[in-house]
Amino acid sequence: MAVYLELTLVQGDDQSFAFTVTDDDAQAPANLAGAAVRMLIKPSKDTDDEDATVVTLTAAVTDAAAGECEADVPASAVATAGARWWKLTATRSGQHKTALYGVLWVQDT
């Protein structure tokens, strides 16, 4: 089951986030070897993932066996303050999983 997590970012700043993806069945870190991990930033949770307004970022797997990855969010993705929706997905061997999701708050500076 995906984990709900609210994030707060600073408007107009480049920012990095480290995440740990877990395997629900094993109750342990998921092995991300060979996985494509993406972070999506959407105007709302109802926005389709493939919509042109969605910012799709590739997350770098930093320790596959430990389920660790990092996503770099460019300033252009958080240029305006307000609430958005985000999620982190992992795709491996044709299986797609949403690992984390939630409200993304962009704070006015």
Protein backbone atom coordinates (compact mmCIF):
# COMPACT_ATOMS: atom_id res chain seq x y z
CA MET A 1 0.00 0.00 0.00
CA ALA A 2 1.28 3.44 -0.86
CA VAL A 3 2.28 5.76 1.97
CA TYR A 4 0.73 9.24 2.30
CA LEU A 5 3.33 11.95 2.94
CA GLU A 6 2.93 15.72 2.76
CA LEU A 7 5.93 17.66 1.44
CA THR A 8 6.70 21.35 1.83
CA LEU A 9 9.00 23.07 -0.67
CA VAL A 10 10.23 26.65 -0.89
CA GLN A 11 8.97 28.59 -3.88
CA GLY A 12 11.59 29.10 -6.58
CA ASP A 13 14.33 26.96 -4.98
CA ASP A 14 16.09 23.92 -6.41
CA GLN A 15 15.54 21.12 -3.86
CA SER A 16 16.41 17.44 -3.41
CA PHE A 17 14.45 14.79 -1.56
CA ALA A 18 15.63 11.36 -0.44
CA PHE A 19 13.04 8.59 -0.19
CA THR A 20 12.97 4.97 0.93
CA VAL A 21 10.55 2.70 -0.95
CA THR A 22 9.19 -0.22 1.05
CA ASP A 23 7.87 -3.64 0.07
CA ASP A 24 4.42 -3.94 1.66
CA ASP A 25 4.46 -7.74 1.73
CA ALA A 26 7.90 -8.09 3.30
CA GLN A 27 7.61 -5.03 5.56
CA ALA A 28 11.13 -4.12 4.48
CA PRO A 29 12.86 -1.84 1.97
CA ALA A 30 11.97 -2.68 -1.63
CA ASN A 31 14.78 -3.76 -3.92
CA LEU A 32 14.93 -1.10 -6.64
CA ALA A 33 17.50 -2.90 -8.82
CA GLY A 34 16.42 -2.38 -12.42
CA ALA A 35 13.52 -0.12 -11.42
CA ALA A 36 12.59 3.13 -13.10
CA VAL A 37 11.61 5.57 -10.34
CA ARG A 38 9.73 8.77 -11.10
CA MET A 39 8.39 11.67 -9.09
CA LEU A 40 5.31 13.34 -10.52
CA ILE A 41 4.14 16.82 -9.50
CA LYS A 42 0.53 17.42 -10.50
CA PRO A 43 -1.82 20.41 -10.22
CA SER A 44 -4.27 18.19 -8.31
CA LYS A 45 -4.78 14.54 -7.41
CA ASP A 46 -7.42 14.29 -10.13
CA THR A 47 -5.01 15.34 -12.89
CA ASP A 48 -4.12 12.42 -15.17
CA ASP A 49 -0.46 11.35 -14.89
CA GLU A 50 0.03 11.88 -18.62
CA ASP A 51 -1.46 15.39 -18.68
CA ALA A 52 0.80 18.09 -20.15
CA THR A 53 0.67 20.06 -16.88
CA VAL A 54 2.34 17.25 -14.90
CA VAL A 55 6.04 17.65 -14.12
CA THR A 56 7.71 14.23 -14.37
CA LEU A 57 11.14 13.85 -12.77
CA THR A 58 13.44 10.84 -12.88
CA ALA A 59 14.56 9.83 -9.40
CA ALA A 60 18.06 8.42 -9.07
CA VAL A 61 18.33 5.08 -7.27
CA THR A 62 21.07 5.66 -4.69
CA ASP A 63 21.00 2.26 -2.92
CA ALA A 64 18.88 -0.31 -4.75
CA ALA A 65 18.96 -3.02 -2.06
CA ALA A 66 17.93 -0.53 0.62
CA GLY A 67 15.11 0.92 -1.53
CA GLU A 68 16.68 4.36 -1.49
CA CYS A 69 16.33 7.00 -4.18
CA GLU A 70 16.61 10.74 -4.60
CA ALA A 71 14.60 13.20 -6.66
CA ASP A 72 15.87 16.65 -7.62
CA VAL A 73 13.06 19.20 -7.96
CA PRO A 74 14.07 22.16 -10.13
CA ALA A 75 13.04 25.69 -9.20
CA SER A 76 10.90 25.87 -12.34
CA ALA A 77 8.62 23.13 -10.96
CA VAL A 78 7.85 25.20 -7.87
CA ALA A 79 7.87 28.70 -9.35
CA THR A 80 4.47 29.61 -7.89
CA ALA A 81 3.19 29.15 -4.34
CA GLY A 82 0.22 26.93 -3.54
CA ALA A 83 -0.89 23.36 -3.12
CA ARG A 84 -0.17 20.59 -5.61
CA TRP A 85 -0.24 16.79 -5.58
CA TRP A 86 2.80 14.55 -5.87
CA LYS A 87 3.62 10.88 -6.05
CA LEU A 88 6.64 8.63 -6.36
CA THR A 89 6.31 5.58 -8.59
CA ALA A 90 8.57 2.61 -9.28
CA THR A 91 8.28 0.42 -12.37
CA ARG A 92 10.17 -2.86 -12.64
CA SER A 93 9.58 -5.85 -14.91
CA GLY A 94 6.42 -4.22 -16.23
CA GLN A 95 4.92 -3.83 -12.75
CA HIS A 96 4.00 -0.29 -11.73
CA LYS A 97 3.72 0.72 -8.07
CA THR A 98 2.91 4.03 -6.39
CA ALA A 99 5.13 4.05 -3.31
CA LEU A 100 4.50 7.51 -1.86
CA TYR A 101 1.96 10.26 -2.53
CA GLY A 102 0.39 13.32 -0.98
CA VAL A 103 -0.08 17.06 -0.93
CA LEU A 104 2.91 19.14 -1.95
CA TRP A 105 2.88 22.60 -0.41
CA VAL A 106 4.92 25.33 -2.12
CA GLN A 107 5.58 28.09 0.41
CA ASP A 108 5.63 31.71 -0.72
CA THR A 109 8.98 33.38 -0.15
